[in-house]
Amino acid sequence: MSQTILEQGVNLMLYGMGTVAVFLALLVLATVVMSRLVRLFPEAAPPLEERSIAAPAQGPDVRIRRVITLVLQQHRKKQGR
């Protein structure tokens, strides 16, 4: 009952590919089930009164701007601009 190396390689390949195929099928199934569950229980949006109006986004602070400026200057020096 001695198998050749080629037969062992083929068996190992088939078991490995079968394992991956089963895992991917379970992953797809789990994803489909979860997406259907999410559709059954949608998240309610907060009422208009409770929604907060976000302040306009503030730019980076002065220290970060200085660092960015210095880095750009060094880069431009290296590039010869």
PDB file of N, CA and C in Angstrom:
ATOM      1  N   MET A   1       0.811  -1.192   0.000  1.00  0.00           N
ATOM      2  CA  MET A   1       0.000   0.000   0.000  1.00  0.00           C
ATOM      3  C   MET A   1       0.855   1.256   0.000  1.00  0.00           C
ATOM      4  N   SER A   2       1.970   1.141  -0.515  1.00  0.00           N
ATOM      5  CA  SER A   2       2.871   2.289  -0.570  1.00  0.00           C
ATOM      6  C   SER A   2       2.486   3.186  -1.739  1.00  0.00           C
ATOM      7  N   GLN A   3       2.227   4.437  -1.420  1.00  0.00           N
ATOM      8  CA  GLN A   3       1.883   5.390  -2.474  1.00  0.00           C
ATOM      9  C   GLN A   3       3.159   6.061  -2.965  1.00  0.00           C
ATOM     10  N   THR A   4       3.123   6.400  -4.211  1.00  0.00           N
ATOM     11  CA  THR A   4       4.276   7.129  -4.742  1.00  0.00           C
ATOM     12  C   THR A   4       4.185   8.574  -4.283  1.00  0.00           C
ATOM     13  N   ILE A   5       5.285   9.258  -4.444  1.00  0.00           N
ATOM     14  CA  ILE A   5       5.319  10.672  -4.034  1.00  0.00           C
ATOM     15  C   ILE A   5       4.321  11.487  -4.849  1.00  0.00           C
ATOM     16  N   LEU A   6       4.167  11.143  -6.114  1.00  0.00           N
ATOM     17  CA  LEU A   6       3.228  11.869  -6.972  1.00  0.00           C
ATOM     18  C   LEU A   6       1.789  11.676  -6.481  1.00  0.00           C
ATOM     19  N   GLU A   7       1.433  10.460  -6.116  1.00  0.00           N
ATOM     20  CA  GLU A   7       0.082  10.206  -5.608  1.00  0.00           C
ATOM     21  C   GLU A   7      -0.153  10.943  -4.287  1.00  0.00           C
ATOM     22  N   GLN A   8       0.854  10.960  -3.437  1.00  0.00           N
ATOM     23  CA  GLN A   8       0.726  11.694  -2.175  1.00  0.00           C
ATOM     24  C   GLN A   8       0.554  13.190  -2.435  1.00  0.00           C
ATOM     25  N   GLY A   9       1.294  13.717  -3.390  1.00  0.00           N
ATOM     26  CA  GLY A   9       1.175  15.136  -3.729  1.00  0.00           C
ATOM     27  C   GLY A   9      -0.203  15.483  -4.262  1.00  0.00           C
ATOM     28  N   VAL A  10      -0.743  14.606  -5.111  1.00  0.00           N
ATOM     29  CA  VAL A  10      -2.080  14.834  -5.659  1.00  0.00           C
ATOM     30  C   VAL A  10      -3.122  14.771  -4.547  1.00  0.00           C
ATOM     31  N   ASN A  11      -3.005  13.803  -3.658  1.00  0.00           N
ATOM     32  CA  ASN A  11      -3.943  13.711  -2.535  1.00  0.00           C
ATOM     33  C   ASN A  11      -3.881  14.960  -1.659  1.00  0.00           C
ATOM     34  N   LEU A  12      -2.675  15.369  -1.342  1.00  0.00           N
ATOM     35  CA  LEU A  12      -2.512  16.560  -0.511  1.00  0.00           C
ATOM     36  C   LEU A  12      -3.096  17.794  -1.197  1.00  0.00           C
ATOM     37  N   MET A  13      -2.882  17.918  -2.497  1.00  0.00           N
ATOM     38  CA  MET A  13      -3.420  19.045  -3.255  1.00  0.00           C
ATOM     39  C   MET A  13      -4.948  19.037  -3.219  1.00  0.00           C
ATOM     40  N   LEU A  14      -5.538  17.859  -3.441  1.00  0.00           N
ATOM     41  CA  LEU A  14      -7.001  17.776  -3.455  1.00  0.00           C
ATOM     42  C   LEU A  14      -7.598  18.077  -2.081  1.00  0.00           C
ATOM     43  N   TYR A  15      -6.972  17.554  -1.014  1.00  0.00           N
ATOM     44  CA  TYR A  15      -7.461  17.857   0.330  1.00  0.00           C
ATOM     45  C   TYR A  15      -7.331  19.349   0.636  1.00  0.00           C
ATOM     46  N   GLY A  16      -6.230  19.923   0.249  1.00  0.00           N
ATOM     47  CA  GLY A  16      -6.023  21.354   0.491  1.00  0.00           C
ATOM     48  C   GLY A  16      -7.010  22.211  -0.277  1.00  0.00           C
ATOM     49  N   MET A  17      -7.189  21.909  -1.564  1.00  0.00           N
ATOM     50  CA  MET A  17      -8.139  22.679  -2.370  1.00  0.00           C
ATOM     51  C   MET A  17      -9.565  22.471  -1.887  1.00  0.00           C
ATOM     52  N   GLY A  18      -9.885  21.258  -1.458  1.00  0.00           N
ATOM     53  CA  GLY A  18     -11.226  20.990  -0.918  1.00  0.00           C
ATOM     54  C   GLY A  18     -11.469  21.770   0.359  1.00  0.00           C
ATOM     55  N   THR A  19     -10.453  21.826   1.218  1.00  0.00           N
ATOM     56  CA  THR A  19     -10.577  22.585   2.468  1.00  0.00           C
ATOM     57  C   THR A  19     -10.805  24.060   2.181  1.00  0.00           C
ATOM     58  N   VAL A  20     -10.045  24.619   1.254  1.00  0.00           N
ATOM     59  CA  VAL A  20     -10.205  26.035   0.904  1.00  0.00           C
ATOM     60  C   VAL A  20     -11.579  26.282   0.302  1.00  0.00           C
ATOM     61  N   ALA A  21     -12.041  25.394  -0.562  1.00  0.00           N
ATOM     62  CA  ALA A  21     -13.351  25.567  -1.191  1.00  0.00           C
ATOM     63  C   ALA A  21     -14.466  25.537  -0.148  1.00  0.00           C
ATOM     64  N   VAL A  22     -14.371  24.608   0.808  1.00  0.00           N
ATOM     65  CA  VAL A  22     -15.386  24.534   1.864  1.00  0.00           C
ATOM     66  C   VAL A  22     -15.352  25.793   2.717  1.00  0.00           C
ATOM     67  N   PHE A  23     -14.158  26.258   3.079  1.00  0.00           N
ATOM     68  CA  PHE A  23     -14.040  27.467   3.878  1.00  0.00           C
ATOM     69  C   PHE A  23     -14.632  28.672   3.152  1.00  0.00           C
ATOM     70  N   LEU A  24     -14.328  28.822   1.871  1.00  0.00           N
ATOM     71  CA  LEU A  24     -14.871  29.957   1.114  1.00  0.00           C
ATOM     72  C   LEU A  24     -16.390  29.865   0.979  1.00  0.00           C
ATOM     73  N   ALA A  25     -16.907  28.670   0.801  1.00  0.00           N
ATOM     74  CA  ALA A  25     -18.366  28.508   0.716  1.00  0.00           C
ATOM     75  C   ALA A  25     -19.022  28.906   2.034  1.00  0.00           C
ATOM     76  N   LEU A  26     -18.424  28.482   3.161  1.00  0.00           N
ATOM     77  CA  LEU A  26     -18.958  28.879   4.468  1.00  0.00           C
ATOM     78  C   LEU A  26     -18.859  30.390   4.680  1.00  0.00           C
ATOM     79  N   LEU A  27     -17.780  30.975   4.210  1.00  0.00           N
ATOM     80  CA  LEU A  27     -17.614  32.422   4.332  1.00  0.00           C
ATOM     81  C   LEU A  27     -18.679  33.172   3.538  1.00  0.00           C
ATOM     82  N   VAL A  28     -18.945  32.732   2.324  1.00  0.00           N
ATOM     83  CA  VAL A  28     -19.993  33.362   1.506  1.00  0.00           C
ATOM     84  C   VAL A  28     -21.350  33.178   2.172  1.00  0.00           C
ATOM     85  N   LEU A  29     -21.610  31.998   2.669  1.00  0.00           N
ATOM     86  CA  LEU A  29     -22.888  31.737   3.343  1.00  0.00           C
ATOM     87  C   LEU A  29     -23.052  32.638   4.570  1.00  0.00           C
ATOM     88  N   ALA A  30     -22.015  32.759   5.368  1.00  0.00           N
ATOM     89  CA  ALA A  30     -22.086  33.615   6.555  1.00  0.00           C
ATOM     90  C   ALA A  30     -22.308  35.069   6.172  1.00  0.00           C
ATOM     91  N   THR A  31     -21.654  35.520   5.096  1.00  0.00           N
ATOM     92  CA  THR A  31     -21.830  36.901   4.647  1.00  0.00           C
ATOM     93  C   THR A  31     -23.253  37.152   4.178  1.00  0.00           C
ATOM     94  N   VAL A  32     -23.823  36.210   3.451  1.00  0.00           N
ATOM     95  CA  VAL A  32     -25.207  36.358   2.974  1.00  0.00           C
ATOM     96  C   VAL A  32     -26.166  36.400   4.152  1.00  0.00           C
ATOM     97  N   VAL A  33     -25.973  35.502   5.118  1.00  0.00           N
ATOM     98  CA  VAL A  33     -26.860  35.468   6.288  1.00  0.00           C
ATOM     99  C   VAL A  33     -26.757  36.778   7.070  1.00  0.00           C
ATOM    100  N   MET A  34     -25.548  37.276   7.285  1.00  0.00           N
ATOM    101  CA  MET A  34     -25.385  38.529   8.041  1.00  0.00           C
ATOM    102  C   MET A  34     -25.997  39.713   7.308  1.00  0.00           C
ATOM    103  N   SER A  35     -25.858  39.765   5.979  1.00  0.00           N
ATOM    104  CA  SER A  35     -26.441  40.887   5.248  1.00  0.00           C
ATOM    105  C   SER A  35     -27.967  40.848   5.313  1.00  0.00           C
ATOM    106  N   ARG A  36     -28.531  39.658   5.307  1.00  0.00           N
ATOM    107  CA  ARG A  36     -29.995  39.564   5.444  1.00  0.00           C
ATOM    108  C   ARG A  36     -30.450  39.953   6.848  1.00  0.00           C
ATOM    109  N   LEU A  37     -29.672  39.591   7.853  1.00  0.00           N
ATOM    110  CA  LEU A  37     -30.013  39.991   9.222  1.00  0.00           C
ATOM    111  C   LEU A  37     -29.958  41.506   9.380  1.00  0.00           C
ATOM    112  N   VAL A  38     -28.996  42.137   8.759  1.00  0.00           N
ATOM    113  CA  VAL A  38     -28.881  43.594   8.851  1.00  0.00           C
ATOM    114  C   VAL A  38     -30.077  44.257   8.181  1.00  0.00           C
ATOM    115  N   ARG A  39     -30.554  43.682   7.096  1.00  0.00           N
ATOM    116  CA  ARG A  39     -31.723  44.255   6.416  1.00  0.00           C
ATOM    117  C   ARG A  39     -32.987  44.105   7.267  1.00  0.00           C
ATOM    118  N   LEU A  40     -33.065  43.042   8.068  1.00  0.00           N
ATOM    119  CA  LEU A  40     -34.235  42.843   8.912  1.00  0.00           C
ATOM    120  C   LEU A  40     -34.304  43.849  10.056  1.00  0.00           C
ATOM    121  N   PHE A  41     -33.150  44.250  10.568  1.00  0.00           N
ATOM    122  CA  PHE A  41     -33.094  45.170  11.703  1.00  0.00           C
ATOM    123  C   PHE A  41     -32.317  46.431  11.338  1.00  0.00           C
ATOM    124  N   PRO A  42     -32.907  47.298  10.514  1.00  0.00           N
ATOM    125  CA  PRO A  42     -32.168  48.512  10.133  1.00  0.00           C
ATOM    126  C   PRO A  42     -32.011  49.442  11.335  1.00  0.00           C
ATOM    127  N   GLU A  43     -30.946  50.187  11.309  1.00  0.00           N
ATOM    128  CA  GLU A  43     -30.678  51.124  12.395  1.00  0.00           C
ATOM    129  C   GLU A  43     -31.539  52.372  12.187  1.00  0.00           C
ATOM    130  N   ALA A  44     -32.242  52.787  13.211  1.00  0.00           N
ATOM    131  CA  ALA A  44     -33.113  53.956  13.088  1.00  0.00           C
ATOM    132  C   ALA A  44     -32.270  55.235  13.111  1.00  0.00           C
ATOM    133  N   ALA A  45     -32.632  56.177  12.243  1.00  0.00           N
ATOM    134  CA  ALA A  45     -31.933  57.457  12.214  1.00  0.00           C
ATOM    135  C   ALA A  45     -32.435  58.313  13.371  1.00  0.00           C
ATOM    136  N   PRO A  46     -31.556  59.077  13.994  1.00  0.00           N
ATOM    137  CA  PRO A  46     -32.007  59.921  15.100  1.00  0.00           C
ATOM    138  C   PRO A  46     -32.941  61.021  14.592  1.00  0.00           C
ATOM    139  N   PRO A  47     -33.886  61.465  15.410  1.00  0.00           N
ATOM    140  CA  PRO A  47     -34.785  62.539  14.979  1.00  0.00           C
ATOM    141  C   PRO A  47     -34.001  63.805  14.629  1.00  0.00           C
ATOM    142  N   LEU A  48     -34.621  64.657  13.837  1.00  0.00           N
ATOM    143  CA  LEU A  48     -33.941  65.877  13.380  1.00  0.00           C
ATOM    144  C   LEU A  48     -33.483  66.759  14.539  1.00  0.00           C
ATOM    145  N   GLU A  49     -34.254  66.799  15.619  1.00  0.00           N
ATOM    146  CA  GLU A  49     -33.891  67.656  16.751  1.00  0.00           C
ATOM    147  C   GLU A  49     -32.600  67.192  17.416  1.00  0.00           C
ATOM    148  N   GLU A  50     -32.362  65.875  17.409  1.00  0.00           N
ATOM    149  CA  GLU A  50     -31.205  65.335  18.098  1.00  0.00           C
ATOM    150  C   GLU A  50     -29.945  65.347  17.243  1.00  0.00           C
ATOM    151  N   ARG A  51     -30.094  65.543  15.963  1.00  0.00           N
ATOM    152  CA  ARG A  51     -28.919  65.561  15.091  1.00  0.00           C
ATOM    153  C   ARG A  51     -28.106  66.816  15.366  1.00  0.00           C
ATOM    154  N   SER A  52     -26.843  66.628  15.534  1.00  0.00           N
ATOM    155  CA  SER A  52     -25.996  67.791  15.798  1.00  0.00           C
ATOM    156  C   SER A  52     -25.406  68.289  14.489  1.00  0.00           C
ATOM    157  N   ILE A  53     -25.347  69.571  14.380  1.00  0.00           N
ATOM    158  CA  ILE A  53     -24.743  70.184  13.202  1.00  0.00           C
ATOM    159  C   ILE A  53     -23.257  70.318  13.501  1.00  0.00           C
ATOM    160  N   ALA A  54     -22.475  69.618  12.730  1.00  0.00           N
ATOM    161  CA  ALA A  54     -21.036  69.601  12.975  1.00  0.00           C
ATOM    162  C   ALA A  54     -20.424  70.938  12.583  1.00  0.00           C
ATOM    163  N   ALA A  55     -19.470  71.372  13.367  1.00  0.00           N
ATOM    164  CA  ALA A  55     -18.743  72.592  13.045  1.00  0.00           C
ATOM    165  C   ALA A  55     -17.899  72.330  11.815  1.00  0.00           C
ATOM    166  N   PRO A  56     -17.650  73.366  11.031  1.00  0.00           N
ATOM    167  CA  PRO A  56     -16.816  73.163   9.855  1.00  0.00           C
ATOM    168  C   PRO A  56     -15.437  72.646  10.272  1.00  0.00           C
ATOM    169  N   ALA A  57     -14.899  71.795   9.455  1.00  0.00           N
ATOM    170  CA  ALA A  57     -13.620  71.173   9.790  1.00  0.00           C
ATOM    171  C   ALA A  57     -12.525  72.225   9.882  1.00  0.00           C
ATOM    172  N   GLN A  58     -11.781  72.177  10.956  1.00  0.00           N
ATOM    173  CA  GLN A  58     -10.673  73.103  11.144  1.00  0.00           C
ATOM    174  C   GLN A  58      -9.428  72.488  10.517  1.00  0.00           C
ATOM    175  N   GLY A  59      -8.597  73.341   9.950  1.00  0.00           N
ATOM    176  CA  GLY A  59      -7.354  72.874   9.340  1.00  0.00           C
ATOM    177  C   GLY A  59      -6.366  72.456  10.411  1.00  0.00           C
ATOM    178  N   PRO A  60      -5.211  71.984   9.994  1.00  0.00           N
ATOM    179  CA  PRO A  60      -4.201  71.569  10.970  1.00  0.00           C
ATOM    180  C   PRO A  60      -3.697  72.756  11.776  1.00  0.00           C
ATOM    181  N   ASP A  61      -3.259  72.496  12.975  1.00  0.00           N
ATOM    182  CA  ASP A  61      -2.785  73.598  13.801  1.00  0.00           C
ATOM    183  C   ASP A  61      -1.456  74.128  13.268  1.00  0.00           C
ATOM    184  N   VAL A  62      -1.007  75.222  13.863  1.00  0.00           N
ATOM    185  CA  VAL A  62       0.145  75.955  13.352  1.00  0.00           C
ATOM    186  C   VAL A  62       1.407  75.095  13.360  1.00  0.00           C
ATOM    187  N   ARG A  63       1.607  74.300  14.393  1.00  0.00           N
ATOM    188  CA  ARG A  63       2.817  73.485  14.489  1.00  0.00           C
ATOM    189  C   ARG A  63       2.889  72.457  13.357  1.00  0.00           C
ATOM    190  N   ILE A  64       1.767  71.838  13.052  1.00  0.00           N
ATOM    191  CA  ILE A  64       1.741  70.860  11.967  1.00  0.00           C
ATOM    192  C   ILE A  64       1.991  71.546  10.633  1.00  0.00           C
ATOM    193  N   ARG A  65       1.443  72.734  10.442  1.00  0.00           N
ATOM    194  CA  ARG A  65       1.685  73.479   9.205  1.00  0.00           C
ATOM    195  C   ARG A  65       3.166  73.788   9.040  1.00  0.00           C
ATOM    196  N   ARG A  66       3.819  74.176  10.131  1.00  0.00           N
ATOM    197  CA  ARG A  66       5.259  74.471  10.049  1.00  0.00           C
ATOM    198  C   ARG A  66       6.049  73.229   9.660  1.00  0.00           C
ATOM    199  N   VAL A  67       5.721  72.116  10.267  1.00  0.00           N
ATOM    200  CA  VAL A  67       6.431  70.873   9.957  1.00  0.00           C
ATOM    201  C   VAL A  67       6.234  70.505   8.489  1.00  0.00           C
ATOM    202  N   ILE A  68       5.014  70.612   8.002  1.00  0.00           N
ATOM    203  CA  ILE A  68       4.735  70.290   6.599  1.00  0.00           C
ATOM    204  C   ILE A  68       5.512  71.219   5.683  1.00  0.00           C
ATOM    205  N   THR A  69       5.546  72.505   6.015  1.00  0.00           N
ATOM    206  CA  THR A  69       6.270  73.481   5.208  1.00  0.00           C
ATOM    207  C   THR A  69       7.762  73.152   5.162  1.00  0.00           C
ATOM    208  N   LEU A  70       8.344  72.817   6.324  1.00  0.00           N
ATOM    209  CA  LEU A  70       9.766  72.477   6.363  1.00  0.00           C
ATOM    210  C   LEU A  70      10.073  71.213   5.564  1.00  0.00           C
ATOM    211  N   VAL A  71       9.209  70.226   5.660  1.00  0.00           N
ATOM    212  CA  VAL A  71       9.423  68.992   4.909  1.00  0.00           C
ATOM    213  C   VAL A  71       9.352  69.268   3.416  1.00  0.00           C
ATOM    214  N   LEU A  72       8.389  70.075   2.990  1.00  0.00           N
ATOM    215  CA  LEU A  72       8.284  70.412   1.573  1.00  0.00           C
ATOM    216  C   LEU A  72       9.511  71.180   1.099  1.00  0.00           C
ATOM    217  N   GLN A  73      10.028  72.096   1.918  1.00  0.00           N
ATOM    218  CA  GLN A  73      11.225  72.846   1.538  1.00  0.00           C
ATOM    219  C   GLN A  73      12.414  71.910   1.365  1.00  0.00           C
ATOM    220  N   GLN A  74      12.591  70.965   2.297  1.00  0.00           N
ATOM    221  CA  GLN A  74      13.693  70.015   2.189  1.00  0.00           C
ATOM    222  C   GLN A  74      13.550  69.137   0.941  1.00  0.00           C
ATOM    223  N   HIS A  75      12.331  68.713   0.666  1.00  0.00           N
ATOM    224  CA  HIS A  75      12.093  67.882  -0.514  1.00  0.00           C
ATOM    225  C   HIS A  75      12.419  68.655  -1.788  1.00  0.00           C
ATOM    226  N   ARG A  76      12.003  69.907  -1.848  1.00  0.00           N
ATOM    227  CA  ARG A  76      12.265  70.708  -3.037  1.00  0.00           C
ATOM    228  C   ARG A  76      13.747  70.987  -3.200  1.00  0.00           C
ATOM    229  N   LYS A  77      14.491  71.138  -2.104  1.00  0.00           N
ATOM    230  CA  LYS A  77      15.940  71.318  -2.193  1.00  0.00           C
ATOM    231  C   LYS A  77      16.587  70.085  -2.796  1.00  0.00           C
ATOM    232  N   LYS A  78      16.156  68.910  -2.346  1.00  0.00           N
ATOM    233  CA  LYS A  78      16.718  67.659  -2.873  1.00  0.00           C
ATOM    234  C   LYS A  78      16.401  67.476  -4.344  1.00  0.00           C
ATOM    235  N   GLN A  79      15.230  67.935  -4.753  1.00  0.00           N
ATOM    236  CA  GLN A  79      14.812  67.783  -6.141  1.00  0.00           C
ATOM    237  C   GLN A  79      15.435  68.848  -7.044  1.00  0.00           C
ATOM    238  N   GLY A  80      16.015  69.898  -6.456  1.00  0.00           N
ATOM    239  CA  GLY A  80      16.662  70.945  -7.230  1.00  0.00           C
ATOM    240  C   GLY A  80      15.703  71.976  -7.799  1.00  0.00           C
ATOM    241  N   ARG A  81      14.629  72.189  -7.101  1.00  0.00           N
ATOM    242  CA  ARG A  81      13.655  73.184  -7.595  1.00  0.00           C
ATOM    243  C   ARG A  81      13.908  74.524  -6.986  1.00  0.00           C
TER     244      ARG A  81
END
